[in-house]
Amino acid sequence: ERTALLQEKGRLETVIMTSKVEFQNLFMQAQDVQVPLVLDVVALLVVADLVGEALCHALAAHELLDVLDLEPLEVNLFRGRSPQVGWQRVFGGQVIGQALVAACRTVAVAERPPHSMHAYFLLAGDPKVPIIYDVERVRDGKSFSTRRIKAIQHGQAIFVASVSFHGQEGGMSHQAQMPDVPKPEELPSESEI
């Protein structure tokens, strides 16, 4: 599926680049013509850029979801991969995202979404080696669940995190009602005072 998407991206990039060259040629020819035609050509150039940008964003979103989709190895044990883009280290946001996904796969997040996370980077990650996420189910109470996640590479912890999950429930309200006062734009100006 990824290969098919990359092929489609290449095909569409070629179409867009060809269209952009054609639009630019048309623009050069239209400089001596009426202004509305020139504006139409500029609008087409903008649309071609937007289509190309939207395609890149869609592919990037697909790649991000692919990186965040962890492989379950065993109960509470997951494997994550790093994108092979030539980085020397694993991007920290990727490790945090994958750790959160691993923790969420051990909790019914529809009823109890994550609300707090504490994370510590211990060592630099190696992008050539998969990351193993070991999730410890610390507690499952009536309204809270707690998970401890350890990311492991080469037999060592590179990252640890604690995630707390909490179901929606009513609580105390501490905010007083806003008094009925005029809006700032309705007040007299400094010169009127």
Protein backbone atom coordinates (compact mmCIF):
# COMPACT_ATOMS: atom_id res chain seq x y z
CA GLU A 1 0.00 0.00 0.00
CA ARG A 2 2.86 2.38 0.86
CA THR A 3 4.58 1.62 -2.46
CA ALA A 4 1.34 2.30 -4.34
CA LEU A 5 0.97 5.64 -2.52
CA LEU A 6 4.55 6.63 -3.32
CA GLN A 7 4.01 5.72 -7.00
CA GLU A 8 0.80 7.77 -7.07
CA LYS A 9 2.63 10.67 -5.40
CA GLY A 10 5.35 10.51 -8.09
CA ARG A 11 2.76 10.42 -10.87
CA LEU A 12 0.81 13.37 -9.45
CA GLU A 13 4.00 15.37 -8.84
CA THR A 14 4.90 14.88 -12.53
CA VAL A 15 1.41 16.00 -13.61
CA ILE A 16 1.57 19.03 -11.30
CA MET A 17 5.09 20.01 -12.41
CA THR A 18 4.09 19.67 -16.08
CA SER A 19 0.99 21.77 -15.42
CA LYS A 20 3.05 24.39 -13.57
CA VAL A 21 5.50 24.67 -16.51
CA GLU A 22 2.56 25.01 -18.89
CA PHE A 23 0.98 27.65 -16.62
CA GLN A 24 4.27 29.56 -16.39
CA ASN A 25 4.65 29.52 -20.19
CA LEU A 26 1.08 30.75 -20.54
CA PHE A 27 1.80 33.45 -17.98
CA MET A 28 4.83 34.66 -19.97
CA GLN A 29 2.72 34.80 -23.13
CA ALA A 30 -0.13 36.57 -21.33
CA GLN A 31 1.95 39.44 -19.96
CA ASP A 32 1.19 41.52 -23.04
CA VAL A 33 -2.49 40.61 -22.94
CA GLN A 34 -5.30 41.81 -20.67
CA VAL A 35 -4.88 41.83 -16.87
CA PRO A 36 -7.83 39.44 -16.19
CA LEU A 37 -6.17 36.68 -18.22
CA VAL A 38 -2.93 37.15 -16.29
CA LEU A 39 -4.87 36.92 -13.02
CA ASP A 40 -6.52 33.69 -14.22
CA VAL A 41 -3.13 32.19 -14.98
CA VAL A 42 -1.79 33.26 -11.55
CA ALA A 43 -4.87 31.69 -9.92
CA LEU A 44 -4.16 28.43 -11.77
CA LEU A 45 -0.55 28.51 -10.57
CA VAL A 46 -1.75 28.94 -7.00
CA VAL A 47 -4.19 26.04 -7.38
CA ALA A 48 -1.40 23.81 -8.75
CA ASP A 49 0.76 24.69 -5.74
CA LEU A 50 -2.11 24.00 -3.33
CA VAL A 51 -2.86 20.62 -4.92
CA GLY A 52 0.81 19.66 -4.68
CA GLU A 53 0.98 20.83 -1.07
CA ALA A 54 -2.23 18.96 -0.15
CA LEU A 55 -0.84 15.79 -1.71
CA CYS A 56 2.39 16.16 0.28
CA HIS A 57 0.39 16.72 3.48
CA ALA A 58 -1.79 13.66 2.80
CA LEU A 59 1.27 11.49 2.20
CA ALA A 60 2.99 12.91 5.30
CA ALA A 61 -0.10 12.18 7.40
CA HIS A 62 -0.19 8.62 6.05
CA GLU A 63 3.52 8.17 6.84
CA LEU A 64 2.99 9.55 10.36
CA LEU A 65 0.11 7.15 11.01
CA ASP A 66 2.25 4.33 9.63
CA VAL A 67 5.07 5.18 12.10
CA LEU A 68 2.59 5.38 15.00
CA ASP A 69 1.02 2.01 14.15
CA LEU A 70 2.92 -0.27 16.52
CA GLU A 71 3.29 -4.00 16.02
CA PRO A 72 1.95 -5.97 19.01
CA LEU A 73 4.52 -8.59 20.07
CA GLU A 74 2.91 -9.89 23.24
CA VAL A 75 0.49 -8.60 25.87
CA ASN A 76 1.80 -5.14 26.90
CA LEU A 77 4.76 -5.40 24.49
CA PHE A 78 4.94 -3.46 21.20
CA ARG A 79 7.51 -2.77 18.47
CA GLY A 80 7.84 0.60 16.76
CA ARG A 81 9.90 1.51 13.73
CA SER A 82 11.65 4.72 12.76
CA PRO A 83 11.37 6.36 9.35
CA GLN A 84 14.56 5.74 7.36
CA VAL A 85 15.34 9.33 6.41
CA GLY A 86 19.03 9.47 7.32
CA TRP A 87 18.73 10.95 10.80
CA GLN A 88 21.53 10.14 13.26
CA ARG A 89 19.10 9.82 16.16
CA VAL A 90 15.46 8.97 16.67
CA PHE A 91 13.20 12.06 16.79
CA GLY A 92 11.95 12.56 20.37
CA GLY A 93 8.39 13.36 19.31
CA GLN A 94 8.23 10.01 17.54
CA VAL A 95 9.23 8.17 20.74
CA ILE A 96 6.68 10.12 22.81
CA GLY A 97 3.94 9.45 20.23
CA GLN A 98 4.72 5.75 19.97
CA ALA A 99 4.90 5.40 23.77
CA LEU A 100 1.49 7.06 24.11
CA VAL A 101 0.04 4.76 21.43
CA ALA A 102 1.45 1.73 23.28
CA ALA A 103 -0.11 2.92 26.56
CA CYS A 104 -3.46 3.66 24.87
CA ARG A 105 -3.60 0.13 23.48
CA THR A 106 -3.86 -1.18 27.04
CA VAL A 107 -6.77 1.05 28.11
CA ALA A 108 -10.31 1.58 26.79
CA VAL A 109 -9.55 5.17 25.68
CA ALA A 110 -13.12 5.82 24.52
CA GLU A 111 -14.24 5.75 28.16
CA ARG A 112 -10.94 6.80 29.73
CA PRO A 113 -8.78 9.09 27.55
CA PRO A 114 -5.22 10.08 28.54
CA HIS A 115 -5.03 13.31 30.51
CA SER A 116 -1.49 13.45 31.90
CA MET A 117 1.95 12.32 30.74
CA HIS A 118 5.39 12.62 32.28
CA ALA A 119 8.32 11.55 30.11
CA TYR A 120 12.10 11.28 30.43
CA PHE A 121 14.62 10.81 27.63
CA LEU A 122 17.49 8.66 28.93
CA LEU A 123 19.62 7.85 25.86
CA ALA A 124 19.67 8.76 22.17
CA GLY A 125 17.70 6.34 20.03
CA ASP A 126 19.12 4.49 17.04
CA PRO A 127 16.88 4.98 13.95
CA LYS A 128 18.20 1.77 12.33
CA VAL A 129 16.91 -0.45 15.15
CA PRO A 130 13.23 -0.99 16.10
CA ILE A 131 12.12 0.35 19.49
CA ILE A 132 10.45 -2.07 21.91
CA TYR A 133 7.77 -0.53 24.14
CA ASP A 134 7.13 -2.39 27.39
CA VAL A 135 3.90 -1.20 29.05
CA GLU A 136 3.39 -1.84 32.75
CA ARG A 137 -0.21 -1.70 33.97
CA VAL A 138 0.45 0.13 37.24
CA ARG A 139 -3.18 0.67 38.28
CA ASP A 140 -6.75 0.33 37.03
CA GLY A 141 -9.04 2.07 39.53
CA LYS A 142 -12.68 3.18 39.41
CA SER A 143 -11.94 6.40 37.52
CA PHE A 144 -8.17 6.43 36.85
CA SER A 145 -5.73 4.11 35.06
CA THR A 146 -1.97 4.51 35.15
CA ARG A 147 0.58 3.07 32.73
CA ARG A 148 4.37 3.12 32.84
CA ILE A 149 6.08 2.77 29.48
CA LYS A 150 9.72 1.88 28.88
CA ALA A 151 11.23 2.23 25.39
CA ILE A 152 14.12 -0.19 24.87
CA GLN A 153 16.89 -0.45 22.27
CA HIS A 154 20.04 -2.59 22.41
CA GLY A 155 18.86 -3.97 25.77
CA GLN A 156 18.80 -0.51 27.42
CA ALA A 157 16.00 1.87 28.30
CA ILE A 158 16.19 4.97 26.10
CA PHE A 159 12.95 6.55 27.37
CA VAL A 160 10.47 6.12 30.21
CA ALA A 161 7.05 7.67 30.66
CA SER A 162 4.06 7.56 32.96
CA VAL A 163 0.60 8.15 31.51
CA SER A 164 -2.56 8.69 33.51
CA PHE A 165 -6.02 8.04 32.02
CA HIS A 166 -9.22 9.45 33.50
CA GLY A 167 -12.88 9.10 32.59
CA GLN A 168 -15.11 12.16 32.27
CA GLU A 169 -16.86 13.03 35.52
CA GLY A 170 -18.28 16.11 37.14
CA GLY A 171 -16.16 18.01 39.61
CA MET A 172 -16.12 21.11 41.72
CA SER A 173 -16.57 24.48 40.04
CA HIS A 174 -14.37 27.33 41.26
CA GLN A 175 -15.13 30.09 38.79
CA ALA A 176 -17.52 32.93 39.63
CA GLN A 177 -19.99 34.09 37.00
CA MET A 178 -18.87 37.00 34.84
CA PRO A 179 -20.67 40.17 36.02
CA ASP A 180 -22.91 42.03 33.58
CA VAL A 181 -20.63 44.91 32.52
CA PRO A 182 -20.23 46.88 29.27
CA LYS A 183 -17.89 45.52 26.61
CA PRO A 184 -14.52 47.34 26.24
CA GLU A 185 -15.53 48.88 22.90
CA GLU A 186 -18.67 50.34 24.56
CA LEU A 187 -16.66 52.23 27.21
CA PRO A 188 -15.78 55.92 26.73
CA SER A 189 -12.32 56.55 25.30
CA GLU A 190 -9.54 58.22 27.27
CA SER A 191 -10.18 61.54 25.50
CA GLU A 192 -13.91 61.36 26.36
CA ILE A 193 -13.21 60.90 30.07
